[in-house]
Amino acid sequence: MTDYIGYEALTQAAMRGVVREALRKGCNTNGLPGDHHFYLTFRTKAPGVKIADYLTERFPEEMTIVIQHQYWDLEVEDGHFEIILKFSGVPQHLYIPYAAISRFVDPSVNFGLTFESPDKDASVISPAGEVDEADMLAPDAPEADVGTVVNLDAFRRK
């Protein structure tokens, strides 16, 4: 049968809406409420992504950022979000369309979403927003199915 309604696209859009609304909770001056923090993986070369060239060179496929304590100027719009994080002590402005996101995890409540994603693992940015080689994901980190909770062991430091 042909899906003329496009349920898969509708589901993906609804899940991206969850990410957008979760990010909106972090737009106030006090940051994210409670112990919430986000691991957000995005495709660095997806259409509309704007990050420093050296970050794209270092992370040519995917990159995971952690939004927790040290972030600035989080702006959440309908189609994208913008944030400033520090990389090697230097603040960088990131512009990320929701369509570029491949994974979203809030480990404080064991919640995760996986979107259309390449099979490549991403590098992790430390909770302070700085690149930390010790935080690299293991090459055999499991991928989650669309719409399922992500196994958080893939994001924990060894």
C-alpha atoms as a PDB file:
ATOM      1  CA  MET A   1       0.000   0.000   0.000  1.00  0.00           C
ATOM      2  CA  THR A   2       1.039   3.563  -0.595  1.00  0.00           C
ATOM      3  CA  ASP A   3       1.186   5.914   2.377  1.00  0.00           C
ATOM      4  CA  TYR A   4      -0.325   9.075   0.902  1.00  0.00           C
ATOM      5  CA  ILE A   5      -0.412  10.751   4.314  1.00  0.00           C
ATOM      6  CA  GLY A   6       3.317  10.274   4.986  1.00  0.00           C
ATOM      7  CA  TYR A   7       3.196   8.936   8.524  1.00  0.00           C
ATOM      8  CA  GLU A   8       6.976   8.473   8.767  1.00  0.00           C
ATOM      9  CA  ALA A   9       7.606  12.133   7.915  1.00  0.00           C
ATOM     10  CA  LEU A  10       4.878  13.228  10.338  1.00  0.00           C
ATOM     11  CA  THR A  11       6.418  11.112  13.106  1.00  0.00           C
ATOM     12  CA  GLN A  12       9.908  12.519  12.466  1.00  0.00           C
ATOM     13  CA  ALA A  13       8.519  16.081  12.539  1.00  0.00           C
ATOM     14  CA  ALA A  14       6.675  15.413  15.802  1.00  0.00           C
ATOM     15  CA  MET A  15       9.812  13.971  17.423  1.00  0.00           C
ATOM     16  CA  ARG A  16      11.835  17.004  16.304  1.00  0.00           C
ATOM     17  CA  GLY A  17       9.134  19.106  17.952  1.00  0.00           C
ATOM     18  CA  VAL A  18       9.900  17.336  21.233  1.00  0.00           C
ATOM     19  CA  VAL A  19      13.560  18.352  20.864  1.00  0.00           C
ATOM     20  CA  ARG A  20      12.563  21.947  20.085  1.00  0.00           C
ATOM     21  CA  GLU A  21      10.328  22.184  23.154  1.00  0.00           C
ATOM     22  CA  ALA A  22      12.962  20.590  25.408  1.00  0.00           C
ATOM     23  CA  LEU A  23      15.525  23.143  24.186  1.00  0.00           C
ATOM     24  CA  ARG A  24      13.067  25.965  24.896  1.00  0.00           C
ATOM     25  CA  LYS A  25      13.185  24.944  28.563  1.00  0.00           C
ATOM     26  CA  GLY A  26      16.868  25.974  28.555  1.00  0.00           C
ATOM     27  CA  CYS A  27      16.335  29.473  27.146  1.00  0.00           C
ATOM     28  CA  ASN A  28      15.846  31.122  30.511  1.00  0.00           C
ATOM     29  CA  THR A  29      18.693  32.689  32.480  1.00  0.00           C
ATOM     30  CA  ASN A  30      18.782  29.812  34.975  1.00  0.00           C
ATOM     31  CA  GLY A  31      19.539  27.164  32.342  1.00  0.00           C
ATOM     32  CA  LEU A  32      17.847  23.790  32.175  1.00  0.00           C
ATOM     33  CA  PRO A  33      15.614  22.840  35.100  1.00  0.00           C
ATOM     34  CA  GLY A  34      16.699  20.237  37.651  1.00  0.00           C
ATOM     35  CA  ASP A  35      19.333  17.760  36.503  1.00  0.00           C
ATOM     36  CA  HIS A  36      18.267  17.848  32.851  1.00  0.00           C
ATOM     37  CA  HIS A  37      21.045  17.950  30.278  1.00  0.00           C
ATOM     38  CA  PHE A  38      21.128  16.994  26.628  1.00  0.00           C
ATOM     39  CA  TYR A  39      23.421  14.991  24.382  1.00  0.00           C
ATOM     40  CA  LEU A  40      22.556  16.225  20.918  1.00  0.00           C
ATOM     41  CA  THR A  41      24.113  14.616  17.853  1.00  0.00           C
ATOM     42  CA  PHE A  42      23.876  16.337  14.487  1.00  0.00           C
ATOM     43  CA  ARG A  43      25.231  15.876  10.968  1.00  0.00           C
ATOM     44  CA  THR A  44      27.893  18.547  10.512  1.00  0.00           C
ATOM     45  CA  LYS A  45      27.441  18.809   6.742  1.00  0.00           C
ATOM     46  CA  ALA A  46      23.645  18.757   6.686  1.00  0.00           C
ATOM     47  CA  PRO A  47      21.983  21.626   4.806  1.00  0.00           C
ATOM     48  CA  GLY A  48      21.765  24.773   6.897  1.00  0.00           C
ATOM     49  CA  VAL A  49      24.287  23.775   9.592  1.00  0.00           C
ATOM     50  CA  LYS A  50      26.633  26.665  10.365  1.00  0.00           C
ATOM     51  CA  ILE A  51      29.665  25.862  12.505  1.00  0.00           C
ATOM     52  CA  ALA A  52      33.317  26.877  12.389  1.00  0.00           C
ATOM     53  CA  ASP A  53      35.255  25.310   9.507  1.00  0.00           C
ATOM     54  CA  TYR A  54      37.771  23.686  11.856  1.00  0.00           C
ATOM     55  CA  LEU A  55      34.905  21.884  13.636  1.00  0.00           C
ATOM     56  CA  THR A  56      33.589  20.535  10.337  1.00  0.00           C
ATOM     57  CA  GLU A  57      37.109  19.368   9.478  1.00  0.00           C
ATOM     58  CA  ARG A  58      37.514  17.679  12.846  1.00  0.00           C
ATOM     59  CA  PHE A  59      34.015  16.146  12.776  1.00  0.00           C
ATOM     60  CA  PRO A  60      33.290  15.570   9.068  1.00  0.00           C
ATOM     61  CA  GLU A  61      30.198  13.392   9.593  1.00  0.00           C
ATOM     62  CA  GLU A  62      28.582  13.877  12.987  1.00  0.00           C
ATOM     63  CA  MET A  63      29.262  15.711  16.208  1.00  0.00           C
ATOM     64  CA  THR A  64      27.678  15.375  19.647  1.00  0.00           C
ATOM     65  CA  ILE A  65      27.382  18.409  21.873  1.00  0.00           C
ATOM     66  CA  VAL A  66      26.380  18.436  25.513  1.00  0.00           C
ATOM     67  CA  ILE A  67      24.037  21.181  26.645  1.00  0.00           C
ATOM     68  CA  GLN A  68      24.281  21.357  30.409  1.00  0.00           C
ATOM     69  CA  HIS A  69      26.019  24.043  32.451  1.00  0.00           C
ATOM     70  CA  GLN A  70      28.163  26.192  30.175  1.00  0.00           C
ATOM     71  CA  TYR A  71      26.302  27.450  27.158  1.00  0.00           C
ATOM     72  CA  TRP A  72      25.304  30.931  26.098  1.00  0.00           C
ATOM     73  CA  ASP A  73      22.727  32.689  23.937  1.00  0.00           C
ATOM     74  CA  LEU A  74      20.510  29.663  23.314  1.00  0.00           C
ATOM     75  CA  GLU A  75      17.888  30.751  20.796  1.00  0.00           C
ATOM     76  CA  VAL A  76      15.189  28.289  19.789  1.00  0.00           C
ATOM     77  CA  GLU A  77      13.287  28.946  16.564  1.00  0.00           C
ATOM     78  CA  ASP A  78      10.753  26.859  14.669  1.00  0.00           C
ATOM     79  CA  GLY A  79      13.248  25.354  12.201  1.00  0.00           C
ATOM     80  CA  HIS A  80      16.590  25.591  14.016  1.00  0.00           C
ATOM     81  CA  PHE A  81      18.364  26.519  17.223  1.00  0.00           C
ATOM     82  CA  GLU A  82      21.466  28.582  17.875  1.00  0.00           C
ATOM     83  CA  ILE A  83      23.850  28.291  20.783  1.00  0.00           C
ATOM     84  CA  ILE A  84      27.320  29.379  21.825  1.00  0.00           C
ATOM     85  CA  LEU A  85      29.619  26.708  23.279  1.00  0.00           C
ATOM     86  CA  LYS A  86      33.331  26.817  24.050  1.00  0.00           C
ATOM     87  CA  PHE A  87      35.751  24.642  22.091  1.00  0.00           C
ATOM     88  CA  SER A  88      39.314  24.604  23.458  1.00  0.00           C
ATOM     89  CA  GLY A  89      38.338  27.673  25.480  1.00  0.00           C
ATOM     90  CA  VAL A  90      37.139  29.636  22.436  1.00  0.00           C
ATOM     91  CA  PRO A  91      33.416  30.489  22.163  1.00  0.00           C
ATOM     92  CA  GLN A  92      31.828  29.293  18.921  1.00  0.00           C
ATOM     93  CA  HIS A  93      28.398  30.063  17.541  1.00  0.00           C
ATOM     94  CA  LEU A  94      26.491  26.995  16.289  1.00  0.00           C
ATOM     95  CA  TYR A  95      23.433  27.177  14.029  1.00  0.00           C
ATOM     96  CA  ILE A  96      21.721  23.785  13.830  1.00  0.00           C
ATOM     97  CA  PRO A  97      18.514  23.031  11.912  1.00  0.00           C
ATOM     98  CA  TYR A  98      16.383  20.356  13.596  1.00  0.00           C
ATOM     99  CA  ALA A  99      16.528  18.355  10.360  1.00  0.00           C
ATOM    100  CA  ALA A 100      20.296  17.883  10.953  1.00  0.00           C
ATOM    101  CA  ILE A 101      19.763  16.183  14.327  1.00  0.00           C
ATOM    102  CA  SER A 102      20.298  12.436  14.372  1.00  0.00           C
ATOM    103  CA  ARG A 103      20.104  11.726  18.143  1.00  0.00           C
ATOM    104  CA  PHE A 104      18.786  13.460  21.242  1.00  0.00           C
ATOM    105  CA  VAL A 105      19.289  12.092  24.753  1.00  0.00           C
ATOM    106  CA  ASP A 106      18.426  13.446  28.201  1.00  0.00           C
ATOM    107  CA  PRO A 107      20.220  10.960  30.479  1.00  0.00           C
ATOM    108  CA  SER A 108      18.791  12.542  33.636  1.00  0.00           C
ATOM    109  CA  VAL A 109      15.424  10.923  32.860  1.00  0.00           C
ATOM    110  CA  ASN A 110      16.597   8.062  30.610  1.00  0.00           C
ATOM    111  CA  PHE A 111      14.934   9.606  27.533  1.00  0.00           C
ATOM    112  CA  GLY A 112      16.225   9.442  23.989  1.00  0.00           C
ATOM    113  CA  LEU A 113      15.187   9.803  20.371  1.00  0.00           C
ATOM    114  CA  THR A 114      16.967   8.646  17.246  1.00  0.00           C
ATOM    115  CA  PHE A 115      16.279  10.193  13.846  1.00  0.00           C
ATOM    116  CA  GLU A 116      17.432   9.301  10.369  1.00  0.00           C
ATOM    117  CA  SER A 117      21.131   8.921  11.015  1.00  0.00           C
ATOM    118  CA  PRO A 118      24.281   7.706   9.276  1.00  0.00           C
ATOM    119  CA  ASP A 119      25.951   4.641  10.805  1.00  0.00           C
ATOM    120  CA  LYS A 120      28.961   6.685  11.917  1.00  0.00           C
ATOM    121  CA  ASP A 121      29.670   7.312  15.588  1.00  0.00           C
ATOM    122  CA  ALA A 122      30.048  10.899  16.727  1.00  0.00           C
ATOM    123  CA  SER A 123      32.604  12.546  18.902  1.00  0.00           C
ATOM    124  CA  VAL A 124      31.428  13.902  22.229  1.00  0.00           C
ATOM    125  CA  ILE A 125      31.881  17.394  23.534  1.00  0.00           C
ATOM    126  CA  SER A 126      32.389  17.545  27.296  1.00  0.00           C
ATOM    127  CA  PRO A 127      29.666  18.936  29.582  1.00  0.00           C
ATOM    128  CA  ALA A 128      31.670  22.159  29.783  1.00  0.00           C
ATOM    129  CA  GLY A 129      31.252  22.440  26.016  1.00  0.00           C
ATOM    130  CA  GLU A 130      34.891  21.670  25.249  1.00  0.00           C
ATOM    131  CA  VAL A 131      36.265  18.878  23.098  1.00  0.00           C
ATOM    132  CA  ASP A 132      37.711  16.104  25.245  1.00  0.00           C
ATOM    133  CA  GLU A 133      39.436  13.194  23.522  1.00  0.00           C
ATOM    134  CA  ALA A 134      38.711  10.977  26.541  1.00  0.00           C
ATOM    135  CA  ASP A 135      35.002  11.375  25.811  1.00  0.00           C
ATOM    136  CA  MET A 136      35.110   9.836  22.345  1.00  0.00           C
ATOM    137  CA  LEU A 137      32.374   7.258  21.844  1.00  0.00           C
ATOM    138  CA  ALA A 138      33.525   3.699  21.550  1.00  0.00           C
ATOM    139  CA  PRO A 139      33.538   2.533  17.891  1.00  0.00           C
ATOM    140  CA  ASP A 140      31.107  -0.224  18.787  1.00  0.00           C
ATOM    141  CA  ALA A 141      28.590   2.058  20.527  1.00  0.00           C
ATOM    142  CA  PRO A 142      25.144   0.663  19.725  1.00  0.00           C
ATOM    143  CA  GLU A 143      22.742   2.585  17.544  1.00  0.00           C
ATOM    144  CA  ALA A 144      19.156   2.801  18.723  1.00  0.00           C
ATOM    145  CA  ASP A 145      16.087   2.201  16.599  1.00  0.00           C
ATOM    146  CA  VAL A 146      13.935   5.165  15.583  1.00  0.00           C
ATOM    147  CA  GLY A 147      11.708   6.233  18.453  1.00  0.00           C
ATOM    148  CA  THR A 148      13.328   4.058  21.103  1.00  0.00           C
ATOM    149  CA  VAL A 149      15.252   4.956  24.215  1.00  0.00           C
ATOM    150  CA  VAL A 150      18.994   5.119  23.551  1.00  0.00           C
ATOM    151  CA  ASN A 151      21.260   2.884  25.638  1.00  0.00           C
ATOM    152  CA  LEU A 152      23.101   5.441  27.771  1.00  0.00           C
ATOM    153  CA  ASP A 153      26.188   3.226  28.137  1.00  0.00           C
ATOM    154  CA  ALA A 154      27.294   4.574  24.750  1.00  0.00           C
ATOM    155  CA  PHE A 155      27.535   8.077  26.261  1.00  0.00           C
ATOM    156  CA  ARG A 156      29.181   7.254  29.583  1.00  0.00           C
ATOM    157  CA  ARG A 157      32.879   7.760  30.207  1.00  0.00           C
ATOM    158  CA  LYS A 158      34.788   4.515  30.463  1.00  0.00           C
END
